[in-house]
Protein backbone atom coordinates (compact mmCIF):
# COMPACT_ATOMS: atom_id res chain seq x y z
CA MET A 1 29.20 -2.28 31.73
CA THR A 2 26.21 0.00 31.22
CA GLU A 3 23.82 -1.28 28.57
CA GLN A 4 23.56 1.17 25.68
CA LYS A 5 20.07 2.54 25.11
CA THR A 6 18.46 1.75 21.76
CA SER A 7 17.37 4.96 20.06
CA THR A 8 13.91 4.87 18.45
CA SER A 9 12.08 7.38 16.26
CA LEU A 10 8.42 8.20 15.77
CA VAL A 11 7.68 8.98 12.12
CA ILE A 12 4.45 10.93 11.61
CA MET A 13 2.92 10.94 8.15
CA ALA A 14 1.30 14.35 7.76
CA ALA A 15 1.56 15.11 4.05
CA GLY A 16 -1.97 13.92 3.20
CA ILE A 17 -4.53 16.42 2.04
CA GLY A 18 -7.53 14.91 3.89
CA SER A 19 -10.07 15.40 1.12
CA ARG A 20 -13.04 14.01 3.08
CA PHE A 21 -12.53 16.38 6.03
CA GLY A 22 -13.70 19.38 4.04
CA GLN A 23 -12.72 22.30 6.28
CA GLY A 24 -9.16 23.44 6.90
CA ILE A 25 -6.07 21.34 7.51
CA LYS A 26 -7.30 18.58 9.80
CA GLN A 27 -3.82 17.70 11.07
CA LEU A 28 -3.59 21.19 12.60
CA THR A 29 -7.10 21.40 14.08
CA SER A 30 -7.26 21.99 17.85
CA PHE A 31 -8.95 19.25 19.91
CA GLY A 32 -7.49 19.35 23.43
CA PRO A 33 -8.45 21.58 26.40
CA SER A 34 -5.33 23.73 25.98
CA GLY A 35 -5.38 23.83 22.19
CA GLU A 36 -3.62 20.50 21.60
CA ILE A 37 -3.90 18.84 18.22
CA ILE A 38 -4.10 15.06 17.79
CA MET A 39 -0.36 14.84 17.07
CA ASP A 40 0.37 16.36 20.50
CA TYR A 41 -1.19 13.32 22.16
CA SER A 42 0.60 10.84 19.90
CA ILE A 43 3.96 12.48 20.57
CA TYR A 44 3.25 12.72 24.30
CA ASP A 45 2.37 9.01 24.45
CA ALA A 46 5.38 8.06 22.32
CA VAL A 47 7.83 10.01 24.50
CA ARG A 48 6.31 8.46 27.63
CA SER A 49 6.84 5.05 26.02
CA GLY A 50 10.55 5.68 25.34
CA PHE A 51 10.75 7.12 21.82
CA ASP A 52 13.43 9.82 21.76
CA ARG A 53 12.97 11.40 18.32
CA VAL A 54 10.09 12.67 16.18
CA VAL A 55 10.23 12.96 12.40
CA PHE A 56 7.43 14.84 10.62
CA VAL A 57 6.77 13.90 7.00
CA ILE A 58 5.01 16.94 5.56
CA ARG A 59 4.42 18.92 2.42
CA LYS A 60 6.92 21.71 1.89
CA ASP A 61 4.12 24.29 1.76
CA LEU A 62 2.98 23.27 5.28
CA GLU A 63 6.36 23.70 6.94
CA GLN A 64 5.72 27.15 8.40
CA ASP A 65 2.29 26.15 9.74
CA PHE A 66 3.73 23.00 11.31
CA ARG A 67 6.55 24.82 13.01
CA GLU A 68 4.16 27.45 14.38
CA VAL A 69 1.39 25.10 15.49
CA ILE A 70 3.37 22.19 16.92
CA GLY A 71 7.09 22.21 16.08
CA SER A 72 7.97 25.15 18.30
CA ARG A 73 6.47 23.33 21.31
CA ILE A 74 7.72 19.83 20.61
CA GLU A 75 11.31 20.83 19.91
CA LYS A 76 11.70 21.82 23.57
CA TYR A 77 10.94 18.28 24.73
CA VAL A 78 12.17 15.86 22.06
CA ASP A 79 14.63 15.82 19.16
CA THR A 80 12.63 16.84 16.08
CA ALA A 81 13.23 16.65 12.33
CA TYR A 82 11.23 17.51 9.21
CA VAL A 83 11.30 15.78 5.85
CA PHE A 84 9.26 16.61 2.77
CA GLN A 85 7.23 14.21 0.67
CA GLU A 86 7.26 15.53 -2.87
CA LYS A 87 5.88 13.86 -5.97
CA GLU A 88 9.07 14.75 -7.84
CA ASP A 89 11.28 12.83 -5.37
CA LEU A 90 11.87 9.77 -7.56
CA PRO A 91 14.81 7.39 -8.09
CA SER A 92 17.40 8.25 -10.71
CA GLY A 93 16.10 7.68 -14.23
CA TYR A 94 12.44 8.43 -13.45
CA SER A 95 10.49 11.67 -13.77
CA CYS A 96 7.09 12.64 -12.41
CA PRO A 97 4.24 12.78 -14.95
CA PRO A 98 3.35 16.47 -15.47
CA MET A 99 -0.35 15.90 -14.69
CA ARG A 100 0.21 14.03 -11.42
CA LYS A 101 -1.38 15.98 -8.53
CA LYS A 102 -0.38 14.11 -5.35
CA PRO A 103 2.71 12.32 -3.98
CA TRP A 104 2.98 8.56 -4.35
CA GLY A 105 1.49 7.24 -1.11
CA THR A 106 2.60 6.10 2.33
CA GLY A 107 5.50 4.00 1.08
CA GLN A 108 7.04 7.07 -0.54
CA ALA A 109 6.29 9.09 2.61
CA ILE A 110 8.45 6.76 4.70
CA LEU A 111 11.10 6.61 2.00
CA ALA A 112 11.41 10.40 2.34
CA CYS A 113 12.99 9.72 5.77
CA ARG A 114 15.90 7.70 4.36
CA LYS A 115 18.50 10.42 4.97
CA VAL A 116 17.51 11.17 8.57
CA VAL A 117 16.26 7.87 10.07
CA HIS A 118 18.92 5.27 10.87
CA GLU A 119 17.34 3.58 13.89
CA PRO A 120 14.23 1.43 14.60
CA PHE A 121 11.11 3.49 14.03
CA CYS A 122 7.35 3.58 14.47
CA VAL A 123 5.08 4.95 11.74
CA ILE A 124 1.70 6.61 12.40
CA ASN A 125 -0.84 8.85 10.70
CA ALA A 126 -0.93 12.47 11.86
CA ASP A 127 -4.69 12.62 12.34
CA ASP A 128 -5.23 9.39 14.31
CA TYR A 129 -5.26 8.86 18.07
CA TYR A 130 -3.85 5.46 19.03
CA GLY A 131 -3.54 5.39 22.82
CA GLN A 132 -0.45 5.01 25.00
CA LYS A 133 -0.53 1.20 25.14
CA ALA A 134 -0.01 0.89 21.39
CA PHE A 135 3.13 3.05 21.55
CA ALA A 136 4.49 1.15 24.55
CA ASN A 137 3.95 -2.19 22.78
CA LEU A 138 5.68 -1.07 19.60
CA HIS A 139 8.57 0.64 21.38
CA ASP A 140 9.36 -2.46 23.43
CA TRP A 141 9.04 -4.68 20.36
CA LEU A 142 11.42 -2.46 18.35
CA VAL A 143 14.03 -2.45 21.11
CA ASP A 144 13.83 -6.23 21.50
CA GLU A 145 14.00 -6.89 17.75
CA ALA A 146 16.92 -4.47 17.25
CA GLN A 147 18.99 -6.53 19.72
CA LYS A 148 18.32 -9.85 17.98
CA PRO A 149 20.59 -11.18 15.22
CA GLY A 150 19.26 -10.57 11.72
CA ARG A 151 17.48 -13.29 9.79
CA PRO A 152 18.53 -13.29 6.11
CA HIS A 153 15.74 -12.62 3.63
CA LEU A 154 13.15 -12.13 6.39
CA HIS A 155 12.01 -8.64 7.31
CA ARG A 156 10.85 -8.24 10.91
CA ILE A 157 7.88 -5.89 11.17
CA GLY A 158 5.60 -4.94 14.05
CA MET A 159 2.00 -3.82 13.66
CA SER A 160 -0.50 -2.54 16.21
CA GLY A 161 -3.76 -4.46 15.99
CA PHE A 162 -6.89 -2.56 17.00
CA ILE A 163 -10.31 -4.07 17.67
CA LEU A 164 -12.61 -3.23 14.74
CA GLU A 165 -15.42 -2.05 17.03
CA ASN A 166 -13.02 0.50 18.56
CA THR A 167 -12.21 2.13 15.22
CA LEU A 168 -15.57 2.95 13.59
CA SER A 169 -16.96 6.41 12.80
CA ALA A 170 -20.51 7.45 13.64
CA HIS A 171 -20.67 9.65 10.54
CA GLY A 172 -20.02 7.40 7.58
CA GLY A 173 -18.29 4.35 6.19
CA VAL A 174 -14.60 3.73 6.75
CA THR A 175 -11.94 1.52 5.17
CA ARG A 176 -10.12 -0.88 7.46
CA GLY A 177 -7.51 -3.57 6.90
CA ILE A 178 -8.96 -6.66 8.58
CA CYS A 179 -6.16 -8.92 9.77
CA SER A 180 -5.70 -12.67 9.74
CA VAL A 181 -3.38 -13.78 12.56
CA ASN A 182 -1.92 -17.22 13.29
CA ASP A 183 -1.48 -18.87 16.69
CA ALA A 184 2.02 -17.38 17.02
CA GLY A 185 0.60 -13.85 16.74
CA SER A 186 2.03 -13.29 13.26
CA LEU A 187 0.06 -11.63 10.48
CA THR A 188 -0.90 -13.93 7.62
CA GLY A 189 -2.88 -11.41 5.55
CA ILE A 190 -4.75 -8.09 5.46
CA ARG A 191 -8.10 -7.75 3.70
CA GLU A 192 -8.82 -4.14 2.79
CA THR A 193 -12.54 -3.67 3.47
CA ARG A 194 -14.33 -0.51 2.37
CA ASP A 195 -17.46 1.27 3.62
CA ILE A 196 -17.59 -0.42 7.04
CA THR A 197 -20.51 1.17 8.87
CA ARG A 198 -21.94 0.84 12.36
CA ILE A 199 -25.67 0.08 12.24
CA GLU A 200 -27.56 -0.75 15.45
CA GLY A 201 -24.30 -1.60 17.18
CA ARG A 202 -23.11 -3.94 14.41
CA ALA A 203 -20.19 -3.50 12.01
CA VAL A 204 -21.53 -4.10 8.51
CA VAL A 205 -20.52 -3.63 4.87
CA PRO A 206 -22.79 -3.29 1.84
CA THR A 207 -23.09 -6.26 -0.52
CA PRO A 208 -23.52 -6.06 -4.32
CA ASP A 209 -27.19 -7.00 -4.01
CA GLY A 210 -27.95 -4.04 -1.71
CA ALA A 211 -28.00 -5.99 1.56
CA TRP A 212 -25.58 -5.78 4.50
CA GLU A 213 -22.93 -8.28 5.54
CA GLU A 214 -22.10 -8.34 9.25
CA LEU A 215 -18.43 -8.41 10.24
CA ASP A 216 -16.89 -9.73 13.44
CA SER A 217 -16.62 -6.59 15.57
CA SER A 218 -13.82 -8.16 17.60
CA SER A 219 -11.58 -8.65 14.55
CA LEU A 220 -8.16 -7.03 14.67
CA VAL A 221 -7.57 -4.31 12.10
CA SER A 222 -4.55 -2.37 10.91
CA MET A 223 -4.67 1.39 11.45
CA ASN A 224 -1.38 2.09 9.67
CA MET A 225 0.65 1.97 12.88
CA TRP A 226 3.82 0.03 12.11
CA GLY A 227 7.21 -0.75 13.60
CA PHE A 228 10.18 -1.13 11.23
CA LEU A 229 13.89 -1.75 11.53
CA PRO A 230 16.10 0.66 9.55
CA GLU A 231 16.90 -1.84 6.79
CA PHE A 232 13.25 -1.63 5.72
CA LEU A 233 14.13 1.71 4.12
CA ASP A 234 16.47 -0.10 1.72
CA LEU A 235 13.62 -2.39 0.73
CA LEU A 236 11.35 0.61 0.13
CA GLN A 237 14.00 2.17 -2.10
CA SER A 238 14.33 -0.83 -4.39
CA GLY A 239 10.60 -1.54 -4.28
CA PHE A 240 9.75 2.00 -5.33
CA SER A 241 11.78 1.62 -8.51
CA ASP A 242 9.90 -1.61 -9.27
CA PHE A 243 6.59 0.13 -8.58
CA LEU A 244 7.39 3.00 -10.95
CA ARG A 245 8.57 0.64 -13.66
CA GLU A 246 5.28 -1.27 -13.41
CA ASN A 247 3.02 1.82 -13.44
CA LEU A 248 4.59 4.58 -15.51
CA GLY A 249 3.27 4.65 -19.05
CA THR A 250 0.37 2.31 -18.30
CA GLY A 251 -2.36 4.88 -17.74
CA LYS A 252 -2.14 4.37 -13.96
CA GLU A 253 0.67 6.84 -13.37
CA LEU A 254 -1.61 9.73 -12.31
CA THR A 255 -3.33 7.86 -9.46
CA ALA A 256 -1.20 4.80 -8.56
CA GLU A 257 0.05 4.77 -4.95
CA TYR A 258 2.95 2.99 -3.29
CA LEU A 259 1.22 1.95 -0.05
CA LEU A 260 2.61 0.39 3.13
CA PRO A 261 -0.19 -2.22 3.54
CA THR A 262 0.28 -3.37 -0.06
CA ILE A 263 4.06 -3.54 0.39
CA VAL A 264 3.77 -5.56 3.59
CA ASP A 265 1.13 -7.85 2.08
CA GLY A 266 3.45 -8.51 -0.87
CA LEU A 267 6.25 -9.49 1.50
CA LEU A 268 3.91 -11.86 3.31
CA LYS A 269 2.83 -13.54 0.09
CA LYS A 270 6.48 -14.08 -0.84
CA GLN A 271 7.20 -15.31 2.71
CA GLU A 272 9.80 -12.57 3.13
CA ALA A 273 8.41 -10.99 6.31
CA ASP A 274 7.40 -11.91 9.83
CA VAL A 275 4.83 -9.33 10.94
CA GLN A 276 4.12 -9.53 14.65
CA VAL A 277 0.65 -8.24 15.52
CA LEU A 278 0.62 -6.39 18.85
CA PRO A 279 -3.00 -6.19 20.03
CA THR A 280 -4.28 -3.18 21.94
CA SER A 281 -7.66 -2.63 23.54
CA ASP A 282 -7.29 1.16 23.46
CA ARG A 283 -9.99 2.94 21.51
CA TRP A 284 -8.71 4.49 18.30
CA PHE A 285 -10.33 7.67 17.10
CA GLY A 286 -9.65 10.16 14.37
CA VAL A 287 -11.16 12.70 12.05
CA THR A 288 -12.33 11.19 8.81
CA TYR A 289 -15.29 13.56 8.44
CA HIS A 290 -15.75 17.08 9.78
CA GLU A 291 -18.73 15.76 11.74
CA ASP A 292 -16.27 13.68 13.80
CA VAL A 293 -14.77 16.82 15.39
CA PRO A 294 -17.18 17.25 18.36
CA ALA A 295 -16.88 13.58 19.35
CA VAL A 296 -13.08 13.71 19.21
CA LYS A 297 -12.99 16.86 21.34
CA GLU A 298 -15.31 15.19 23.85
CA SER A 299 -13.07 12.10 23.92
CA PHE A 300 -10.02 14.18 24.80
CA ARG A 301 -12.02 16.11 27.40
CA LYS A 302 -13.02 12.85 29.07
CA LEU A 303 -9.48 11.41 28.91
CA THR A 304 -8.24 14.58 30.61
CA GLN A 305 -11.02 14.44 33.20
CA ASP A 306 -10.15 10.81 33.94
CA GLY A 307 -6.50 11.72 34.54
CA VAL A 308 -5.07 9.94 31.49
CA TYR A 309 -3.59 13.27 30.35
CA PRO A 310 -2.82 16.54 32.13
CA ALA A 311 -4.87 19.58 31.16
CA ARG A 312 -1.78 20.99 29.44
CA LEU A 313 0.49 18.40 27.82
CA TRP A 314 3.63 20.49 27.38
CA GLY A 315 4.66 22.54 30.41
């Protein structure tokens, strides 16, 4: 009997505004030698690793731009779907505060996929480059976990772990989730650390007294690259109602965000999740600041020159 292939989806979160970038829509900025954007490389690596579907989570007002810039190319090579993250998309009985400007964070972004994603899936940011190894690790983990019997009350989650040194920007401080991992390779906690800066080859953060604290540059960090089984969407649905109930009418309703790292950390604290950290030595890079653009373009040029990617990804 032929073994049935496990379908897997790549979910790309691309609804963010990117306020620190400052010029244009960074998710649609060209970086590759043939006009490729960062998402092209993520999708290319994901398809090479075995993912057979791509789901874009976007703002409704970006749909035409997305279809023109990337959708029309990608649809020829992989099954593609679009879902819209909207601040008004709330559970029954809740309404969006009139003054709220943005959607409700990455947890709501993934929840927007609930009607189209029914298989194991990987979640990434649109404007981050992760490297092919990270996709291969997560794809294989998802396929293996999908074939195992379920464990009641324990959510199985995969997370790519990047080396801190490989994720820093040369143009300003960044926020990273520094991971604690046990001997079995499972995540025990994430410490959100802000304003991490590279100074003289060291990763440092400012202290309240104006000095600098050095961090372990070899620490594993979360870059919001996750692997989930489909039942995680049910958890997001119920958790979102709890989140709204806790925040609406408290003064926090205009800025509060339902975030994946916070959700996962809450599951860990309640011992309701086993999060397997899948280390990768690939160098992450992305566009946090507009000044990052030349370095990212040079990185893709070198990867192409070294034969990691063809000069034209799609045909």
